[in-house]
Amino acid sequence: MKPIKESPPKTRRKFDPTFKREAVGNWLSSGKSAAVVAKELGLTEGLLFAWRKLLPPDAAGGRAAAGGRRPTASDLQSQLDEARRENRHLREQRDIL
């Protein structure tokens, strides 16, 4: 009778919510496939799909946050205008101080 080899128990890796959110956001915003992003991060693509389901749409980033559509030029222009207004306001506050 052949002796049975005992292998050490496998330990499961644990990922914090921030890593999960950033991994899914990277995947969705990069335009790469889940398999490519998963390989880059040392994960399985199934994990990315599971994490995407767990995250609310606005937390995932990428196209999921935009309701599955790409932003239009007018959307991007309005975001840019808002950022410029905020920068101008912050510069004024800084100069006052």
Protein backbone atom coordinates (compact mmCIF):
# COMPACT_ATOMS: atom_id res chain seq x y z
CA MET A 1 0.00 0.00 0.00
CA LYS A 2 1.29 3.42 -1.01
CA PRO A 3 1.46 6.17 1.69
CA ILE A 4 -0.76 9.17 1.12
CA LYS A 5 1.07 12.45 0.77
CA GLU A 6 -0.32 15.21 2.88
CA SER A 7 -0.09 18.62 1.31
CA PRO A 8 -0.30 21.77 3.38
CA PRO A 9 -3.78 23.28 3.48
CA LYS A 10 -4.39 25.98 0.91
CA THR A 11 -4.92 29.44 2.29
CA ARG A 12 -7.44 31.73 0.69
CA ARG A 13 -6.35 35.21 -0.24
CA LYS A 14 -8.46 38.02 1.12
CA PHE A 15 -8.94 41.32 -0.68
CA ASP A 16 -10.14 44.51 0.93
CA PRO A 17 -13.10 46.43 -0.55
CA THR A 18 -10.83 49.20 -1.85
CA PHE A 19 -8.78 46.74 -3.91
CA LYS A 20 -11.94 45.15 -5.29
CA ARG A 21 -13.42 48.52 -6.25
CA GLU A 22 -10.19 49.67 -7.91
CA ALA A 23 -9.74 46.37 -9.76
CA VAL A 24 -13.27 46.51 -11.16
CA GLY A 25 -12.91 50.21 -11.97
CA ASN A 26 -9.63 49.54 -13.77
CA TRP A 27 -11.24 46.75 -15.76
CA LEU A 28 -14.32 48.73 -16.76
CA SER A 29 -12.53 51.96 -17.62
CA SER A 30 -9.59 50.40 -19.46
CA GLY A 31 -11.56 48.81 -22.26
CA LYS A 32 -9.58 45.59 -21.74
CA SER A 33 -11.21 42.22 -21.32
CA ALA A 34 -11.77 40.76 -17.88
CA ALA A 35 -9.29 38.00 -18.68
CA VAL A 36 -6.50 40.47 -19.49
CA VAL A 37 -7.07 42.62 -16.40
CA ALA A 38 -7.40 39.54 -14.18
CA LYS A 39 -4.11 38.16 -15.49
CA GLU A 40 -2.40 41.51 -14.87
CA LEU A 41 -3.63 41.49 -11.27
CA GLY A 42 -3.00 37.79 -10.65
CA LEU A 43 -6.71 37.00 -10.29
CA THR A 44 -9.30 34.94 -12.10
CA GLU A 45 -11.78 36.68 -14.35
CA GLY A 46 -14.59 35.09 -12.36
CA LEU A 47 -13.52 37.15 -9.34
CA LEU A 48 -13.81 40.37 -11.34
CA PHE A 49 -17.32 39.46 -12.49
CA ALA A 50 -18.34 38.54 -8.94
CA TRP A 51 -16.92 41.77 -7.50
CA ARG A 52 -18.70 43.83 -10.17
CA LYS A 53 -22.02 42.31 -9.08
CA LEU A 54 -21.32 43.15 -5.43
CA LEU A 55 -20.46 46.79 -6.06
CA PRO A 56 -23.08 49.47 -6.63
CA PRO A 57 -22.93 50.80 -10.22
CA ASP A 58 -21.54 54.22 -9.27
CA ALA A 59 -18.74 52.69 -7.15
CA ALA A 60 -17.45 50.48 -9.93
CA GLY A 61 -16.47 53.34 -12.23
CA GLY A 62 -16.09 53.02 -15.96
CA ARG A 63 -19.10 52.60 -18.24
CA ALA A 64 -21.13 50.94 -15.49
CA ALA A 65 -21.24 54.24 -13.62
CA ALA A 66 -22.57 56.02 -16.68
CA GLY A 67 -25.45 53.60 -17.03
CA GLY A 68 -23.65 51.53 -19.65
CA ARG A 69 -23.26 54.40 -22.08
CA ARG A 70 -20.27 56.45 -23.11
CA PRO A 71 -20.26 60.11 -22.09
CA THR A 72 -21.06 62.51 -24.89
CA ALA A 73 -18.91 65.48 -25.82
CA SER A 74 -21.38 67.82 -24.12
CA ASP A 75 -21.22 65.72 -20.91
CA LEU A 76 -17.45 65.91 -20.92
CA GLN A 77 -17.51 69.64 -21.67
CA SER A 78 -19.88 70.32 -18.78
CA GLN A 79 -17.62 68.31 -16.44
CA LEU A 80 -14.62 70.31 -17.63
CA ASP A 81 -16.45 73.62 -17.14
CA GLU A 82 -17.47 72.59 -13.63
CA ALA A 83 -13.88 71.62 -12.77
CA ARG A 84 -12.60 74.95 -14.08
CA ARG A 85 -15.17 76.86 -11.98
CA GLU A 86 -14.13 74.89 -8.91
CA ASN A 87 -10.43 75.53 -9.60
CA ARG A 88 -11.08 79.26 -10.00
CA HIS A 89 -13.01 79.31 -6.71
CA LEU A 90 -10.27 77.40 -4.87
CA ARG A 91 -7.57 79.74 -6.23
CA GLU A 92 -9.56 82.72 -4.98
CA GLN A 93 -9.86 81.14 -1.53
CA ARG A 94 -6.16 80.35 -1.48
CA ASP A 95 -5.22 83.91 -2.48
CA ILE A 96 -7.43 85.36 0.23
CA LEU A 97 -5.65 83.28 2.87
